[in-house]
Structures are given as C-alpha cells and as structure tokens.
Amino acid sequence: MTGRRKHREGVVVSNKMDKTVVVVVERLVRHPQYHKFLRQRARYKAHDEQNKCEVGDRVRLVETRPLSRDKRWAVQSILSRSEALADAIALAAAEKLAAAAKAEAAAKAATTPDDGATS
C-alpha cells in the first residue's frame, strides 16, 4: 500500500543528538463540549542528515520509514532560522574574537623587553 507522506511543521527544541533533532509541533483543537480552542503539542524525533538544524529553527518534517526506535520523521527543509539565536551566535563569535585579540596583545607585550629607558 502506497500513500502520500504526512507533513508537519514545528520548531526545533533540541539538537544535542547526532543527526537527530527534537521538534515540537503545535496544533489547535476545539473542545467538543465547551468549544474552546486548545493547543496540543507533539514532540517528534526527526532525522537531520547534515546536522544543519539549530534550536529555534522552524522546520518541515516528512514521514519516513522507521529509522530507530523513536525516529519516524525526517527534516525536509528549514523554513526559517531563529533570529534571536543568530544574534546570540554572532555576538558570541565577536566576543571570542575580541578575547583572542586581547590575549595575543597581552602575550606580545609580555615578550617585548622593557628596560625602562626613555628615548
């Protein structure tokens, strides 16, 4: 029996495993008696072959054959990157670069002989 594969869209909440991400998919369901809309969340483990997904990314999942005990989904595409995460990564990289430059300058100053004579 062949059929169409199911698709889901969600947000990556964990990427600590190798080639696996955990994605939370949220959907609205109407309560049968009270007619209030409720948010239902499902967590899926999905295969990420290139380890490209970061926490906060919005991704599209596609149903696939069982890849492990828990993995039945694969990341088809990254729909949008997390802006807050991108800013945090850029800030951390800039701080790391500044710290390296400061350490290099301190090491250079320590190796330069200073005999106290002024010219």
PDB file of N, CA and C in Angstrom:
ATOM      1  N   MET A   1       0.842  -1.182   0.000  1.00  0.00           N
ATOM      2  CA  MET A   1       0.000   0.000   0.000  1.00  0.00           C
ATOM      3  C   MET A   1       0.882   1.237   0.000  1.00  0.00           C
ATOM      4  N   THR A   2       0.736   2.050  -0.971  1.00  0.00           N
ATOM      5  CA  THR A   2       1.487   3.297  -1.009  1.00  0.00           C
ATOM      6  C   THR A   2       0.520   4.446  -0.851  1.00  0.00           C
ATOM      7  N   GLY A   3       0.988   5.482  -0.181  1.00  0.00           N
ATOM      8  CA  GLY A   3       0.137   6.646   0.019  1.00  0.00           C
ATOM      9  C   GLY A   3       0.988   7.882   0.119  1.00  0.00           C
ATOM     10  N   ARG A   4       0.312   8.975   0.352  1.00  0.00           N
ATOM     11  CA  ARG A   4       1.039  10.232   0.496  1.00  0.00           C
ATOM     12  C   ARG A   4       1.667  10.297   1.860  1.00  0.00           C
ATOM     13  N   ARG A   5       2.858  10.855   1.918  1.00  0.00           N
ATOM     14  CA  ARG A   5       3.542  11.024   3.197  1.00  0.00           C
ATOM     15  C   ARG A   5       2.946  12.196   3.956  1.00  0.00           C
ATOM     16  N   LYS A   6       2.885  12.042   5.272  1.00  0.00           N
ATOM     17  CA  LYS A   6       2.379  13.124   6.106  1.00  0.00           C
ATOM     18  C   LYS A   6       3.449  14.194   6.259  1.00  0.00           C
ATOM     19  N   HIS A   7       3.009  15.429   6.424  1.00  0.00           N
ATOM     20  CA  HIS A   7       3.916  16.557   6.635  1.00  0.00           C
ATOM     21  C   HIS A   7       3.538  17.242   7.932  1.00  0.00           C
ATOM     22  N   ARG A   8       4.530  17.754   8.636  1.00  0.00           N
ATOM     23  CA  ARG A   8       4.294  18.538   9.849  1.00  0.00           C
ATOM     24  C   ARG A   8       5.255  19.726   9.839  1.00  0.00           C
ATOM     25  N   GLU A   9       4.846  20.816  10.487  1.00  0.00           N
ATOM     26  CA  GLU A   9       5.733  21.967  10.666  1.00  0.00           C
ATOM     27  C   GLU A   9       5.851  22.232  12.150  1.00  0.00           C
ATOM     28  N   GLY A  10       7.086  22.485  12.596  1.00  0.00           N
ATOM     29  CA  GLY A  10       7.294  22.725  14.010  1.00  0.00           C
ATOM     30  C   GLY A  10       8.591  23.453  14.270  1.00  0.00           C
ATOM     31  N   VAL A  11       8.923  23.584  15.555  1.00  0.00           N
ATOM     32  CA  VAL A  11      10.104  24.313  15.996  1.00  0.00           C
ATOM     33  C   VAL A  11      11.072  23.342  16.661  1.00  0.00           C
ATOM     34  N   VAL A  12      12.346  23.451  16.312  1.00  0.00           N
ATOM     35  CA  VAL A  12      13.376  22.590  16.900  1.00  0.00           C
ATOM     36  C   VAL A  12      13.612  23.032  18.345  1.00  0.00           C
ATOM     37  N   VAL A  13      13.516  22.072  19.281  1.00  0.00           N
ATOM     38  CA  VAL A  13      13.749  22.384  20.687  1.00  0.00           C
ATOM     39  C   VAL A  13      15.030  21.737  21.206  1.00  0.00           C
ATOM     40  N   SER A  14      15.583  20.777  20.463  1.00  0.00           N
ATOM     41  CA  SER A  14      16.834  20.149  20.884  1.00  0.00           C
ATOM     42  C   SER A  14      17.566  19.614  19.666  1.00  0.00           C
ATOM     43  N   ASN A  15      18.887  19.824  19.646  1.00  0.00           N
ATOM     44  CA  ASN A  15      19.713  19.258  18.576  1.00  0.00           C
ATOM     45  C   ASN A  15      20.974  18.631  19.160  1.00  0.00           C
ATOM     46  N   LYS A  16      20.893  18.123  20.373  1.00  0.00           N
ATOM     47  CA  LYS A  16      22.067  17.598  21.063  1.00  0.00           C
ATOM     48  C   LYS A  16      22.489  16.221  20.572  1.00  0.00           C
ATOM     49  N   MET A  17      21.598  15.510  19.878  1.00  0.00           N
ATOM     50  CA  MET A  17      21.929  14.187  19.367  1.00  0.00           C
ATOM     51  C   MET A  17      22.548  14.310  17.979  1.00  0.00           C
ATOM     52  N   ASP A  18      23.308  13.289  17.603  1.00  0.00           N
ATOM     53  CA  ASP A  18      23.952  13.287  16.295  1.00  0.00           C
ATOM     54  C   ASP A  18      22.930  12.923  15.223  1.00  0.00           C
ATOM     55  N   LYS A  19      22.736  13.797  14.250  1.00  0.00           N
ATOM     56  CA  LYS A  19      21.826  13.604  13.123  1.00  0.00           C
ATOM     57  C   LYS A  19      20.375  13.429  13.552  1.00  0.00           C
ATOM     58  N   THR A  20      20.031  13.944  14.722  1.00  0.00           N
ATOM     59  CA  THR A  20      18.658  13.861  15.213  1.00  0.00           C
ATOM     60  C   THR A  20      18.282  15.172  15.875  1.00  0.00           C
ATOM     61  N   VAL A  21      17.069  15.634  15.622  1.00  0.00           N
ATOM     62  CA  VAL A  21      16.546  16.826  16.289  1.00  0.00           C
ATOM     63  C   VAL A  21      15.191  16.473  16.895  1.00  0.00           C
ATOM     64  N   VAL A  22      14.842  17.194  17.955  1.00  0.00           N
ATOM     65  CA  VAL A  22      13.519  17.050  18.551  1.00  0.00           C
ATOM     66  C   VAL A  22      12.716  18.275  18.144  1.00  0.00           C
ATOM     67  N   VAL A  23      11.551  18.035  17.545  1.00  0.00           N
ATOM     68  CA  VAL A  23      10.718  19.105  17.015  1.00  0.00           C
ATOM     69  C   VAL A  23       9.366  19.089  17.721  1.00  0.00           C
ATOM     70  N   VAL A  24       8.925  20.259  18.180  1.00  0.00           N
ATOM     71  CA  VAL A  24       7.607  20.387  18.785  1.00  0.00           C
ATOM     72  C   VAL A  24       6.646  20.913  17.727  1.00  0.00           C
ATOM     73  N   VAL A  25       5.573  20.157  17.501  1.00  0.00           N
ATOM     74  CA  VAL A  25       4.537  20.535  16.555  1.00  0.00           C
ATOM     75  C   VAL A  25       3.302  20.891  17.370  1.00  0.00           C
ATOM     76  N   GLU A  26       2.782  22.083  17.130  1.00  0.00           N
ATOM     77  CA  GLU A  26       1.640  22.585  17.886  1.00  0.00           C
ATOM     78  C   GLU A  26       0.440  22.692  16.965  1.00  0.00           C
ATOM     79  N   ARG A  27      -0.737  22.258  17.472  1.00  0.00           N
ATOM     80  CA  ARG A  27      -1.955  22.377  16.676  1.00  0.00           C
ATOM     81  C   ARG A  27      -3.098  22.808  17.575  1.00  0.00           C
ATOM     82  N   LEU A  28      -4.083  23.457  16.980  1.00  0.00           N
ATOM     83  CA  LEU A  28      -5.259  23.904  17.719  1.00  0.00           C
ATOM     84  C   LEU A  28      -6.380  22.889  17.544  1.00  0.00           C
ATOM     85  N   VAL A  29      -6.995  22.504  18.677  1.00  0.00           N
ATOM     86  CA  VAL A  29      -8.100  21.552  18.675  1.00  0.00           C
ATOM     87  C   VAL A  29      -9.256  22.176  19.431  1.00  0.00           C
ATOM     88  N   ARG A  30     -10.427  22.079  18.888  1.00  0.00           N
ATOM     89  CA  ARG A  30     -11.616  22.645  19.531  1.00  0.00           C
ATOM     90  C   ARG A  30     -12.217  21.641  20.501  1.00  0.00           C
ATOM     91  N   HIS A  31     -12.467  22.085  21.719  1.00  0.00           N
ATOM     92  CA  HIS A  31     -13.056  21.212  22.733  1.00  0.00           C
ATOM     93  C   HIS A  31     -14.481  20.849  22.304  1.00  0.00           C
ATOM     94  N   PRO A  32     -14.858  19.570  22.387  1.00  0.00           N
ATOM     95  CA  PRO A  32     -16.160  19.169  21.869  1.00  0.00           C
ATOM     96  C   PRO A  32     -17.356  19.772  22.609  1.00  0.00           C
ATOM     97  N   GLN A  33     -17.227  19.969  23.918  1.00  0.00           N
ATOM     98  CA  GLN A  33     -18.363  20.495  24.672  1.00  0.00           C
ATOM     99  C   GLN A  33     -18.299  22.007  24.866  1.00  0.00           C
ATOM    100  N   TYR A  34     -17.119  22.505  25.219  1.00  0.00           N
ATOM    101  CA  TYR A  34     -17.005  23.918  25.570  1.00  0.00           C
ATOM    102  C   TYR A  34     -16.589  24.810  24.400  1.00  0.00           C
ATOM    103  N   HIS A  35     -16.234  24.227  23.286  1.00  0.00           N
ATOM    104  CA  HIS A  35     -15.893  24.949  22.057  1.00  0.00           C
ATOM    105  C   HIS A  35     -14.729  25.913  22.224  1.00  0.00           C
ATOM    106  N   LYS A  36     -13.912  25.671  23.218  1.00  0.00           N
ATOM    107  CA  LYS A  36     -12.700  26.486  23.383  1.00  0.00           C
ATOM    108  C   LYS A  36     -11.581  25.825  22.577  1.00  0.00           C
ATOM    109  N   PHE A  37     -10.739  26.647  21.973  1.00  0.00           N
ATOM    110  CA  PHE A  37      -9.620  26.109  21.226  1.00  0.00           C
ATOM    111  C   PHE A  37      -8.462  25.833  22.177  1.00  0.00           C
ATOM    112  N   LEU A  38      -7.950  24.627  22.134  1.00  0.00           N
ATOM    113  CA  LEU A  38      -6.853  24.193  22.992  1.00  0.00           C
ATOM    114  C   LEU A  38      -5.621  23.924  22.145  1.00  0.00           C
ATOM    115  N   ARG A  39      -4.465  24.201  22.700  1.00  0.00           N
ATOM    116  CA  ARG A  39      -3.215  23.915  21.994  1.00  0.00           C
ATOM    117  C   ARG A  39      -2.742  22.534  22.398  1.00  0.00           C
ATOM    118  N   GLN A  40      -2.551  21.697  21.414  1.00  0.00           N
ATOM    119  CA  GLN A  40      -1.981  20.384  21.681  1.00  0.00           C
ATOM    120  C   GLN A  40      -0.606  20.336  21.045  1.00  0.00           C
ATOM    121  N   ARG A  41       0.351  19.814  21.806  1.00  0.00           N
ATOM    122  CA  ARG A  41       1.730  19.739  21.332  1.00  0.00           C
ATOM    123  C   ARG A  41       2.159  18.287  21.218  1.00  0.00           C
ATOM    124  N   ALA A  42       2.925  18.014  20.178  1.00  0.00           N
ATOM    125  CA  ALA A  42       3.506  16.685  19.994  1.00  0.00           C
ATOM    126  C   ALA A  42       4.993  16.874  19.733  1.00  0.00           C
ATOM    127  N   ARG A  43       5.801  16.027  20.355  1.00  0.00           N
ATOM    128  CA  ARG A  43       7.256  16.083  20.152  1.00  0.00           C
ATOM    129  C   ARG A  43       7.667  14.921  19.261  1.00  0.00           C
ATOM    130  N   TYR A  44       8.349  15.259  18.167  1.00  0.00           N
ATOM    131  CA  TYR A  44       8.810  14.250  17.227  1.00  0.00           C
ATOM    132  C   TYR A  44      10.333  14.260  17.172  1.00  0.00           C
ATOM    133  N   LYS A  45      10.937  13.078  17.152  1.00  0.00           N
ATOM    134  CA  LYS A  45      12.368  12.982  16.860  1.00  0.00           C
ATOM    135  C   LYS A  45      12.490  12.799  15.350  1.00  0.00           C
ATOM    136  N   ALA A  46      13.308  13.653  14.747  1.00  0.00           N
ATOM    137  CA  ALA A  46      13.415  13.650  13.294  1.00  0.00           C
ATOM    138  C   ALA A  46      14.878  13.537  12.872  1.00  0.00           C
ATOM    139  N   HIS A  47      15.085  12.927  11.718  1.00  0.00           N
ATOM    140  CA  HIS A  47      16.431  12.733  11.178  1.00  0.00           C
ATOM    141  C   HIS A  47      16.906  13.998  10.476  1.00  0.00           C
ATOM    142  N   ASP A  48      18.101  14.451  10.840  1.00  0.00           N
ATOM    143  CA  ASP A  48      18.719  15.639  10.247  1.00  0.00           C
ATOM    144  C   ASP A  48      20.085  15.213   9.730  1.00  0.00           C
ATOM    145  N   GLU A  49      20.152  14.818   8.466  1.00  0.00           N
ATOM    146  CA  GLU A  49      21.349  14.177   7.906  1.00  0.00           C
ATOM    147  C   GLU A  49      22.600  15.042   8.017  1.00  0.00           C
ATOM    148  N   GLN A  50      22.519  16.353   7.734  1.00  0.00           N
ATOM    149  CA  GLN A  50      23.710  17.214   7.742  1.00  0.00           C
ATOM    150  C   GLN A  50      23.909  17.955   9.061  1.00  0.00           C
ATOM    151  N   ASN A  51      23.094  17.704  10.069  1.00  0.00           N
ATOM    152  CA  ASN A  51      23.178  18.415  11.353  1.00  0.00           C
ATOM    153  C   ASN A  51      23.105  19.932  11.153  1.00  0.00           C
ATOM    154  N   LYS A  52      22.222  20.393  10.281  1.00  0.00           N
ATOM    155  CA  LYS A  52      22.114  21.823   9.983  1.00  0.00           C
ATOM    156  C   LYS A  52      21.140  22.548  10.900  1.00  0.00           C
ATOM    157  N   CYS A  53      20.225  21.840  11.524  1.00  0.00           N
ATOM    158  CA  CYS A  53      19.186  22.474  12.333  1.00  0.00           C
ATOM    159  C   CYS A  53      19.748  22.982  13.652  1.00  0.00           C
ATOM    160  N   GLU A  54      19.303  24.168  14.029  1.00  0.00           N
ATOM    161  CA  GLU A  54      19.658  24.770  15.310  1.00  0.00           C
ATOM    162  C   GLU A  54      18.396  24.926  16.149  1.00  0.00           C
ATOM    163  N   VAL A  55      18.575  25.084  17.442  1.00  0.00           N
ATOM    164  CA  VAL A  55      17.434  25.280  18.329  1.00  0.00           C
ATOM    165  C   VAL A  55      16.716  26.577  17.942  1.00  0.00           C
ATOM    166  N   GLY A  56      15.407  26.507  17.820  1.00  0.00           N
ATOM    167  CA  GLY A  56      14.614  27.672  17.448  1.00  0.00           C
ATOM    168  C   GLY A  56      14.263  27.734  15.972  1.00  0.00           C
ATOM    169  N   ASP A  57      14.866  26.909  15.145  1.00  0.00           N
ATOM    170  CA  ASP A  57      14.554  26.907  13.715  1.00  0.00           C
ATOM    171  C   ASP A  57      13.154  26.341  13.474  1.00  0.00           C
ATOM    172  N   ARG A  58      12.453  26.923  12.508  1.00  0.00           N
ATOM    173  CA  ARG A  58      11.162  26.379  12.091  1.00  0.00           C
ATOM    174  C   ARG A  58      11.434  25.444  10.922  1.00  0.00           C
ATOM    175  N   VAL A  59      10.974  24.183  11.028  1.00  0.00           N
ATOM    176  CA  VAL A  59      11.296  23.166  10.023  1.00  0.00           C
ATOM    177  C   VAL A  59      10.040  22.459   9.541  1.00  0.00           C
ATOM    178  N   ARG A  60      10.159  21.850   8.359  1.00  0.00           N
ATOM    179  CA  ARG A  60       9.094  20.997   7.820  1.00  0.00           C
ATOM    180  C   ARG A  60       9.579  19.554   7.908  1.00  0.00           C
ATOM    181  N   LEU A  61       8.732  18.694   8.496  1.00  0.00           N
ATOM    182  CA  LEU A  61       9.046  17.278   8.642  1.00  0.00           C
ATOM    183  C   LEU A  61       8.243  16.481   7.626  1.00  0.00           C
ATOM    184  N   VAL A  62       8.808  15.352   7.215  1.00  0.00           N
ATOM    185  CA  VAL A  62       8.100  14.446   6.317  1.00  0.00           C
ATOM    186  C   VAL A  62       8.196  13.042   6.919  1.00  0.00           C
ATOM    187  N   GLU A  63       7.103  12.318   6.816  1.00  0.00           N
ATOM    188  CA  GLU A  63       7.048  10.964   7.357  1.00  0.00           C
ATOM    189  C   GLU A  63       7.983  10.061   6.564  1.00  0.00           C
ATOM    190  N   THR A  64       8.638   9.138   7.259  1.00  0.00           N
ATOM    191  CA  THR A  64       9.569   8.231   6.601  1.00  0.00           C
ATOM    192  C   THR A  64       9.489   6.859   7.259  1.00  0.00           C
ATOM    193  N   ARG A  65      10.247   5.924   6.743  1.00  0.00           N
ATOM    194  CA  ARG A  65      10.275   4.588   7.358  1.00  0.00           C
ATOM    195  C   ARG A  65      10.917   4.680   8.733  1.00  0.00           C
ATOM    196  N   PRO A  66      10.700   3.709   9.607  1.00  0.00           N
ATOM    197  CA  PRO A  66      11.338   3.762  10.923  1.00  0.00           C
ATOM    198  C   PRO A  66      12.863   3.736  10.804  1.00  0.00           C
ATOM    199  N   LEU A  67      13.512   4.755  11.362  1.00  0.00           N
ATOM    200  CA  LEU A  67      14.968   4.845  11.324  1.00  0.00           C
ATOM    201  C   LEU A  67      15.594   4.360  12.625  1.00  0.00           C
ATOM    202  N   SER A  68      14.832   4.411  13.708  1.00  0.00           N
ATOM    203  CA  SER A  68      15.287   3.895  15.002  1.00  0.00           C
ATOM    204  C   SER A  68      14.037   3.630  15.835  1.00  0.00           C
ATOM    205  N   ARG A  69      14.218   3.392  17.123  1.00  0.00           N
ATOM    206  CA  ARG A  69      13.069   3.103  17.975  1.00  0.00           C
ATOM    207  C   ARG A  69      12.067   4.251  17.997  1.00  0.00           C
ATOM    208  N   ASP A  70      12.561   5.490  18.005  1.00  0.00           N
ATOM    209  CA  ASP A  70      11.692   6.658  18.120  1.00  0.00           C
ATOM    210  C   ASP A  70      11.578   7.493  16.855  1.00  0.00           C
ATOM    211  N   LYS A  71      12.493   7.340  15.903  1.00  0.00           N
ATOM    212  CA  LYS A  71      12.526   8.227  14.730  1.00  0.00           C
ATOM    213  C   LYS A  71      11.704   7.666  13.573  1.00  0.00           C
ATOM    214  N   ARG A  72      10.640   8.410  13.225  1.00  0.00           N
ATOM    215  CA  ARG A  72       9.814   8.075  12.068  1.00  0.00           C
ATOM    216  C   ARG A  72       9.659   9.265  11.145  1.00  0.00           C
ATOM    217  N   TRP A  73      10.398  10.335  11.380  1.00  0.00           N
ATOM    218  CA  TRP A  73      10.270  11.571  10.623  1.00  0.00           C
ATOM    219  C   TRP A  73      11.648  12.035  10.181  1.00  0.00           C
ATOM    220  N   ALA A  74      11.692  12.812   9.103  1.00  0.00           N
ATOM    221  CA  ALA A  74      12.941  13.389   8.608  1.00  0.00           C
ATOM    222  C   ALA A  74      12.708  14.870   8.324  1.00  0.00           C
ATOM    223  N   VAL A  75      13.755  15.668   8.522  1.00  0.00           N
ATOM    224  CA  VAL A  75      13.666  17.096   8.221  1.00  0.00           C
ATOM    225  C   VAL A  75      13.728  17.260   6.711  1.00  0.00           C
ATOM    226  N   GLN A  76      12.660  17.821   6.140  1.00  0.00           N
ATOM    227  CA  GLN A  76      12.627  18.043   4.700  1.00  0.00           C
ATOM    228  C   GLN A  76      13.280  19.370   4.348  1.00  0.00           C
ATOM    229  N   SER A  77      12.982  20.418   5.137  1.00  0.00           N
ATOM    230  CA  SER A  77      13.568  21.718   4.857  1.00  0.00           C
ATOM    231  C   SER A  77      13.506  22.583   6.103  1.00  0.00           C
ATOM    232  N   ILE A  78      14.410  23.562   6.146  1.00  0.00           N
ATOM    233  CA  ILE A  78      14.397  24.559   7.204  1.00  0.00           C
ATOM    234  C   ILE A  78      13.646  25.766   6.645  1.00  0.00           C
ATOM    235  N   LEU A  79      12.511  26.083   7.269  1.00  0.00           N
ATOM    236  CA  LEU A  79      11.657  27.160   6.763  1.00  0.00           C
ATOM    237  C   LEU A  79      12.179  28.530   7.169  1.00  0.00           C
ATOM    238  N   SER A  80      12.647  28.647   8.416  1.00  0.00           N
ATOM    239  CA  SER A  80      13.194  29.929   8.871  1.00  0.00           C
ATOM    240  C   SER A  80      14.139  29.675  10.032  1.00  0.00           C
ATOM    241  N   ARG A  81      15.145  30.514  10.099  1.00  0.00           N
ATOM    242  CA  ARG A  81      16.111  30.441  11.180  1.00  0.00           C
ATOM    243  C   ARG A  81      15.642  31.290  12.346  1.00  0.00           C
ATOM    244  N   SER A  82      16.099  30.949  13.528  1.00  0.00           N
ATOM    245  CA  SER A  82      15.763  31.725  14.716  1.00  0.00           C
ATOM    246  C   SER A  82      16.606  32.989  14.721  1.00  0.00           C
ATOM    247  N   GLU A  83      15.952  34.153  14.707  1.00  0.00           N
ATOM    248  CA  GLU A  83      16.668  35.435  14.691  1.00  0.00           C
ATOM    249  C   GLU A  83      17.432  35.652  15.997  1.00  0.00           C
ATOM    250  N   ALA A  84      16.805  35.346  17.118  1.00  0.00           N
ATOM    251  CA  ALA A  84      17.453  35.540  18.418  1.00  0.00           C
ATOM    252  C   ALA A  84      18.698  34.667  18.520  1.00  0.00           C
ATOM    253  N   LEU A  85      18.602  33.457  18.012  1.00  0.00           N
ATOM    254  CA  LEU A  85      19.743  32.551  18.065  1.00  0.00           C
ATOM    255  C   LEU A  85      20.864  33.043  17.157  1.00  0.00           C
ATOM    256  N   ALA A  86      20.529  33.531  15.979  1.00  0.00           N
ATOM    257  CA  ALA A  86      21.545  34.036  15.053  1.00  0.00           C
ATOM    258  C   ALA A  86      22.283  35.222  15.677  1.00  0.00           C
ATOM    259  N   ASP A  87      21.538  36.123  16.339  1.00  0.00           N
ATOM    260  CA  ASP A  87      22.158  37.264  17.004  1.00  0.00           C
ATOM    261  C   ASP A  87      23.077  36.809  18.130  1.00  0.00           C
ATOM    262  N   ALA A  88      22.639  35.828  18.894  1.00  0.00           N
ATOM    263  CA  ALA A  88      23.445  35.318  20.008  1.00  0.00           C
ATOM    264  C   ALA A  88      24.727  34.663  19.504  1.00  0.00           C
ATOM    265  N   ILE A  89      24.628  33.923  18.411  1.00  0.00           N
ATOM    266  CA  ILE A  89      25.813  33.265  17.841  1.00  0.00           C
ATOM    267  C   ILE A  89      26.796  34.314  17.320  1.00  0.00           C
ATOM    268  N   ALA A  90      26.301  35.350  16.647  1.00  0.00           N
ATOM    269  CA  ALA A  90      27.173  36.409  16.132  1.00  0.00           C
ATOM    270  C   ALA A  90      27.847  37.159  17.273  1.00  0.00           C
ATOM    271  N   LEU A  91      27.107  37.421  18.341  1.00  0.00           N
ATOM    272  CA  LEU A  91      27.660  38.113  19.495  1.00  0.00           C
ATOM    273  C   LEU A  91      28.741  37.274  20.170  1.00  0.00           C
ATOM    274  N   ALA A  92      28.491  35.983  20.326  1.00  0.00           N
ATOM    275  CA  ALA A  92      29.468  35.085  20.946  1.00  0.00           C
ATOM    276  C   ALA A  92      30.738  35.002  20.102  1.00  0.00           C
ATOM    277  N   ALA A  93      30.593  34.962  18.789  1.00  0.00           N
ATOM    278  CA  ALA A  93      31.752  34.900  17.901  1.00  0.00           C
ATOM    279  C   ALA A  93      32.568  36.183  18.000  1.00  0.00           C
ATOM    280  N   ALA A  94      31.892  37.338  18.063  1.00  0.00           N
ATOM    281  CA  ALA A  94      32.598  38.616  18.180  1.00  0.00           C
ATOM    282  C   ALA A  94      33.343  38.706  19.510  1.00  0.00           C
ATOM    283  N   GLU A  95      32.707  38.249  20.589  1.00  0.00           N
ATOM    284  CA  GLU A  95      33.364  38.262  21.903  1.00  0.00           C
ATOM    285  C   GLU A  95      34.577  37.338  21.916  1.00  0.00           C
ATOM    286  N   LYS A  96      34.454  36.190  21.284  1.00  0.00           N
ATOM    287  CA  LYS A  96      35.567  35.237  21.232  1.00  0.00           C
ATOM    288  C   LYS A  96      36.739  35.826  20.450  1.00  0.00           C
ATOM    289  N   LEU A  97      36.440  36.495  19.346  1.00  0.00           N
ATOM    290  CA  LEU A  97      37.470  37.126  18.525  1.00  0.00           C
ATOM    291  C   LEU A  97      38.161  38.245  19.302  1.00  0.00           C
ATOM    292  N   ALA A  98      37.378  39.052  20.031  1.00  0.00           N
ATOM    293  CA  ALA A  98      37.944  40.147  20.815  1.00  0.00           C
ATOM    294  C   ALA A  98      38.823  39.615  21.947  1.00  0.00           C
ATOM    295  N   ALA A  99      38.399  38.531  22.583  1.00  0.00           N
ATOM    296  CA  ALA A  99      39.185  37.931  23.660  1.00  0.00           C
ATOM    297  C   ALA A  99      40.499  37.364  23.123  1.00  0.00           C
ATOM    298  N   ALA A 100      40.456  36.769  21.944  1.00  0.00           N
ATOM    299  CA  ALA A 100      41.671  36.216  21.340  1.00  0.00           C
ATOM    300  C   ALA A 100      42.651  37.341  20.985  1.00  0.00           C
ATOM    301  N   ALA A 101      42.125  38.448  20.446  1.00  0.00           N
ATOM    302  CA  ALA A 101      42.985  39.577  20.099  1.00  0.00           C
ATOM    303  C   ALA A 101      43.601  40.198  21.353  1.00  0.00           C
ATOM    304  N   LYS A 102      42.825  40.290  22.414  1.00  0.00           N
ATOM    305  CA  LYS A 102      43.328  40.844  23.669  1.00  0.00           C
ATOM    306  C   LYS A 102      44.405  39.951  24.275  1.00  0.00           C
ATOM    307  N   ALA A 103      44.205  38.642  24.221  1.00  0.00           N
ATOM    308  CA  ALA A 103      45.191  37.697  24.744  1.00  0.00           C
ATOM    309  C   ALA A 103      46.477  37.756  23.921  1.00  0.00           C
ATOM    310  N   GLU A 104      46.332  37.901  22.607  1.00  0.00           N
ATOM    311  CA  GLU A 104      47.501  37.992  21.726  1.00  0.00           C
ATOM    312  C   GLU A 104      48.298  39.266  22.019  1.00  0.00           C
ATOM    313  N   ALA A 105      47.585  40.374  22.239  1.00  0.00           N
ATOM    314  CA  ALA A 105      48.256  41.639  22.552  1.00  0.00           C
ATOM    315  C   ALA A 105      48.967  41.558  23.906  1.00  0.00           C
ATOM    316  N   ALA A 106      48.345  40.899  24.868  1.00  0.00           N
ATOM    317  CA  ALA A 106      48.961  40.742  26.194  1.00  0.00           C
ATOM    318  C   ALA A 106      50.199  39.864  26.109  1.00  0.00           C
ATOM    319  N   ALA A 107      50.142  38.806  25.302  1.00  0.00           N
ATOM    320  CA  ALA A 107      51.295  37.925  25.138  1.00  0.00           C
ATOM    321  C   ALA A 107      52.436  38.655  24.437  1.00  0.00           C
ATOM    322  N   LYS A 108      52.107  39.495  23.466  1.00  0.00           N
ATOM    323  CA  LYS A 108      53.128  40.246  22.741  1.00  0.00           C
ATOM    324  C   LYS A 108      53.781  41.277  23.660  1.00  0.00           C
ATOM    325  N   ALA A 109      52.972  41.914  24.517  1.00  0.00           N
ATOM    326  CA  ALA A 109      53.507  42.904  25.457  1.00  0.00           C
ATOM    327  C   ALA A 109      54.400  42.230  26.504  1.00  0.00           C
ATOM    328  N   ALA A 110      54.063  41.019  26.884  1.00  0.00           N
ATOM    329  CA  ALA A 110      54.851  40.304  27.886  1.00  0.00           C
ATOM    330  C   ALA A 110      56.203  39.842  27.328  1.00  0.00           C
ATOM    331  N   THR A 111      56.263  39.558  26.029  1.00  0.00           N
ATOM    332  CA  THR A 111      57.508  39.082  25.440  1.00  0.00           C
ATOM    333  C   THR A 111      58.424  40.231  24.993  1.00  0.00           C
ATOM    334  N   THR A 112      57.876  41.450  24.849  1.00  0.00           N
ATOM    335  CA  THR A 112      58.693  42.597  24.462  1.00  0.00           C
ATOM    336  C   THR A 112      59.490  43.079  25.668  1.00  0.00           C
ATOM    337  N   PRO A 113      60.819  43.134  25.528  1.00  0.00           N
ATOM    338  CA  PRO A 113      61.642  43.589  26.670  1.00  0.00           C
ATOM    339  C   PRO A 113      61.447  45.084  26.918  1.00  0.00           C
ATOM    340  N   ASP A 114      61.239  45.434  28.155  1.00  0.00           N
ATOM    341  CA  ASP A 114      61.085  46.831  28.526  1.00  0.00           C
ATOM    342  C   ASP A 114      62.185  47.146  29.549  1.00  0.00           C
ATOM    343  N   ASP A 115      63.239  47.865  29.124  1.00  0.00           N
ATOM    344  CA  ASP A 115      64.387  48.140  30.010  1.00  0.00           C
ATOM    345  C   ASP A 115      64.198  49.417  30.802  1.00  0.00           C
ATOM    346  N   GLY A 116      63.050  50.052  30.685  1.00  0.00           N
ATOM    347  CA  GLY A 116      62.759  51.234  31.460  1.00  0.00           C
ATOM    348  C   GLY A 116      63.387  52.509  30.949  1.00  0.00           C
ATOM    349  N   ALA A 117      64.189  52.458  29.896  1.00  0.00           N
ATOM    350  CA  ALA A 117      64.837  53.656  29.366  1.00  0.00           C
ATOM    351  C   ALA A 117      63.862  54.398  28.459  1.00  0.00           C
ATOM    352  N   THR A 118      63.858  55.697  28.592  1.00  0.00           N
ATOM    353  CA  THR A 118      63.029  56.504  27.712  1.00  0.00           C
ATOM    354  C   THR A 118      63.935  57.203  26.689  1.00  0.00           C
ATOM    355  N   SER A 119      63.462  57.341  25.515  1.00  0.00           N
ATOM    356  CA  SER A 119      64.288  57.998  24.497  1.00  0.00           C
ATOM    357  C   SER A 119      63.749  59.304  24.052  1.00  0.00           C
TER     358      SER A 119
END
